[in-house]
Amino acid sequence: MFNQKKRRKGFSIIVNFICALLIIGAIQMTFDESYQNNHLGGIFILGAYVVLSLKHMMKDLWNGNKKSAGLNILFGILALGIIVWWAFKHFLSI
């Protein structure tokens, strides 16, 4: 029981750290002097949303809420699909 709580807390700390880095990167990309990479800030925000949806999915699974976990992973996959679509569109046009 104690080991499980410790593992969940560590998972939460790591996920929050990754999200903070993504949000800092999004702010930096959006508000820098070059206007050409403003769209990267939005992609970073979507990345943070994917990571947070995975975190909420894991919490819902640990609490036994399978329907809510499915909905969280559905929205996370949708955001990940938008990121992949943007990457193909961006890198194949160069």
C-alpha atoms as a PDB file:
ATOM      1  CA  MET A   1       0.000   0.000   0.000  1.00  0.00           C
ATOM      2  CA  PHE A   2       2.723   2.475   0.979  1.00  0.00           C
ATOM      3  CA  ASN A   3       4.855   1.555  -2.045  1.00  0.00           C
ATOM      4  CA  GLN A   4       1.892   2.136  -4.362  1.00  0.00           C
ATOM      5  CA  LYS A   5       1.288   5.644  -2.978  1.00  0.00           C
ATOM      6  CA  LYS A   6       4.979   6.414  -3.338  1.00  0.00           C
ATOM      7  CA  ARG A   7       4.958   5.258  -6.962  1.00  0.00           C
ATOM      8  CA  ARG A   8       1.848   7.305  -7.757  1.00  0.00           C
ATOM      9  CA  LYS A   9       3.373  10.395  -6.183  1.00  0.00           C
ATOM     10  CA  GLY A  10       6.568   9.940  -8.198  1.00  0.00           C
ATOM     11  CA  PHE A  11       4.531   9.497 -11.392  1.00  0.00           C
ATOM     12  CA  SER A  12       2.615  12.681 -10.648  1.00  0.00           C
ATOM     13  CA  ILE A  13       5.794  14.674  -9.971  1.00  0.00           C
ATOM     14  CA  ILE A  14       7.426  13.509 -13.216  1.00  0.00           C
ATOM     15  CA  VAL A  15       4.318  14.275 -15.281  1.00  0.00           C
ATOM     16  CA  ASN A  16       3.949  17.729 -13.732  1.00  0.00           C
ATOM     17  CA  PHE A  17       7.621  18.454 -14.446  1.00  0.00           C
ATOM     18  CA  ILE A  18       7.228  17.443 -18.111  1.00  0.00           C
ATOM     19  CA  CYS A  19       4.094  19.584 -18.450  1.00  0.00           C
ATOM     20  CA  ALA A  20       5.846  22.563 -16.876  1.00  0.00           C
ATOM     21  CA  LEU A  21       8.711  22.217 -19.356  1.00  0.00           C
ATOM     22  CA  LEU A  22       6.290  22.020 -22.278  1.00  0.00           C
ATOM     23  CA  ILE A  23       4.363  25.079 -21.105  1.00  0.00           C
ATOM     24  CA  ILE A  24       7.582  27.067 -20.576  1.00  0.00           C
ATOM     25  CA  GLY A  25       8.661  26.072 -24.084  1.00  0.00           C
ATOM     26  CA  ALA A  26       5.275  27.133 -25.463  1.00  0.00           C
ATOM     27  CA  ILE A  27       5.533  30.541 -23.815  1.00  0.00           C
ATOM     28  CA  GLN A  28       9.080  30.966 -25.090  1.00  0.00           C
ATOM     29  CA  MET A  29       8.105  29.988 -28.658  1.00  0.00           C
ATOM     30  CA  THR A  30       5.034  32.201 -28.702  1.00  0.00           C
ATOM     31  CA  PHE A  31       6.531  35.387 -27.275  1.00  0.00           C
ATOM     32  CA  ASP A  32       9.965  35.467 -28.893  1.00  0.00           C
ATOM     33  CA  GLU A  33      10.976  37.909 -31.616  1.00  0.00           C
ATOM     34  CA  SER A  34      10.575  35.485 -34.521  1.00  0.00           C
ATOM     35  CA  TYR A  35       6.971  35.286 -35.648  1.00  0.00           C
ATOM     36  CA  GLN A  36       7.628  32.189 -37.762  1.00  0.00           C
ATOM     37  CA  ASN A  37       7.591  29.724 -34.870  1.00  0.00           C
ATOM     38  CA  ASN A  38       4.459  30.885 -33.043  1.00  0.00           C
ATOM     39  CA  HIS A  39       2.635  27.760 -34.176  1.00  0.00           C
ATOM     40  CA  LEU A  40       5.193  25.654 -32.307  1.00  0.00           C
ATOM     41  CA  GLY A  41       3.889  27.153 -29.068  1.00  0.00           C
ATOM     42  CA  GLY A  42       0.468  25.729 -29.844  1.00  0.00           C
ATOM     43  CA  ILE A  43       1.987  22.334 -30.600  1.00  0.00           C
ATOM     44  CA  PHE A  44       3.811  22.417 -27.257  1.00  0.00           C
ATOM     45  CA  ILE A  45       0.516  23.214 -25.499  1.00  0.00           C
ATOM     46  CA  LEU A  46      -1.104  20.251 -27.264  1.00  0.00           C
ATOM     47  CA  GLY A  47       1.811  18.099 -26.101  1.00  0.00           C
ATOM     48  CA  ALA A  48       1.216  19.203 -22.529  1.00  0.00           C
ATOM     49  CA  TYR A  49      -2.477  18.361 -22.957  1.00  0.00           C
ATOM     50  CA  VAL A  50      -1.573  14.856 -24.169  1.00  0.00           C
ATOM     51  CA  VAL A  51       0.668  14.284 -21.154  1.00  0.00           C
ATOM     52  CA  LEU A  52      -1.993  15.593 -18.750  1.00  0.00           C
ATOM     53  CA  SER A  53      -4.704  13.449 -20.334  1.00  0.00           C
ATOM     54  CA  LEU A  54      -2.490  10.393 -19.846  1.00  0.00           C
ATOM     55  CA  LYS A  55      -1.992  11.408 -16.216  1.00  0.00           C
ATOM     56  CA  HIS A  56      -5.741  11.751 -15.665  1.00  0.00           C
ATOM     57  CA  MET A  57      -6.332   8.445 -17.437  1.00  0.00           C
ATOM     58  CA  MET A  58      -3.939   6.694 -15.059  1.00  0.00           C
ATOM     59  CA  LYS A  59      -5.598   8.300 -12.035  1.00  0.00           C
ATOM     60  CA  ASP A  60      -9.021   7.223 -13.274  1.00  0.00           C
ATOM     61  CA  LEU A  61      -7.823   3.660 -13.831  1.00  0.00           C
ATOM     62  CA  TRP A  62      -6.314   3.561 -10.339  1.00  0.00           C
ATOM     63  CA  ASN A  63      -9.661   4.733  -8.925  1.00  0.00           C
ATOM     64  CA  GLY A  64     -11.671   2.259 -11.030  1.00  0.00           C
ATOM     65  CA  ASN A  65     -13.363   4.768 -13.378  1.00  0.00           C
ATOM     66  CA  LYS A  66     -12.954   2.983 -16.706  1.00  0.00           C
ATOM     67  CA  LYS A  67     -15.406   5.149 -18.670  1.00  0.00           C
ATOM     68  CA  SER A  68     -13.713   8.371 -17.636  1.00  0.00           C
ATOM     69  CA  ALA A  69     -10.299   6.868 -18.393  1.00  0.00           C
ATOM     70  CA  GLY A  70     -11.490   5.910 -21.867  1.00  0.00           C
ATOM     71  CA  LEU A  71     -12.743   9.421 -22.502  1.00  0.00           C
ATOM     72  CA  ASN A  72      -9.444  10.920 -21.316  1.00  0.00           C
ATOM     73  CA  ILE A  73      -7.402   8.662 -23.576  1.00  0.00           C
ATOM     74  CA  LEU A  74      -9.733   9.420 -26.499  1.00  0.00           C
ATOM     75  CA  PHE A  75      -9.098  13.165 -26.176  1.00  0.00           C
ATOM     76  CA  GLY A  76      -5.375  12.515 -25.711  1.00  0.00           C
ATOM     77  CA  ILE A  77      -5.252  10.436 -28.892  1.00  0.00           C
ATOM     78  CA  LEU A  78      -7.150  13.159 -30.744  1.00  0.00           C
ATOM     79  CA  ALA A  79      -4.600  15.789 -29.652  1.00  0.00           C
ATOM     80  CA  LEU A  80      -1.735  13.442 -30.523  1.00  0.00           C
ATOM     81  CA  GLY A  81      -3.281  12.927 -33.955  1.00  0.00           C
ATOM     82  CA  ILE A  82      -3.337  16.698 -34.484  1.00  0.00           C
ATOM     83  CA  ILE A  83       0.349  16.876 -33.518  1.00  0.00           C
ATOM     84  CA  VAL A  84       1.286  14.046 -35.902  1.00  0.00           C
ATOM     85  CA  TRP A  85      -0.801  15.579 -38.707  1.00  0.00           C
ATOM     86  CA  TRP A  86       0.939  18.934 -38.199  1.00  0.00           C
ATOM     87  CA  ALA A  87       4.356  17.254 -38.184  1.00  0.00           C
ATOM     88  CA  PHE A  88       3.691  15.464 -41.480  1.00  0.00           C
ATOM     89  CA  LYS A  89       2.299  18.624 -43.020  1.00  0.00           C
ATOM     90  CA  HIS A  90       5.202  20.751 -41.801  1.00  0.00           C
ATOM     91  CA  PHE A  91       8.137  18.443 -42.491  1.00  0.00           C
ATOM     92  CA  LEU A  92       6.942  17.117 -45.851  1.00  0.00           C
ATOM     93  CA  SER A  93       6.419  20.625 -47.216  1.00  0.00           C
ATOM     94  CA  ILE A  94      10.035  21.673 -46.568  1.00  0.00           C
END
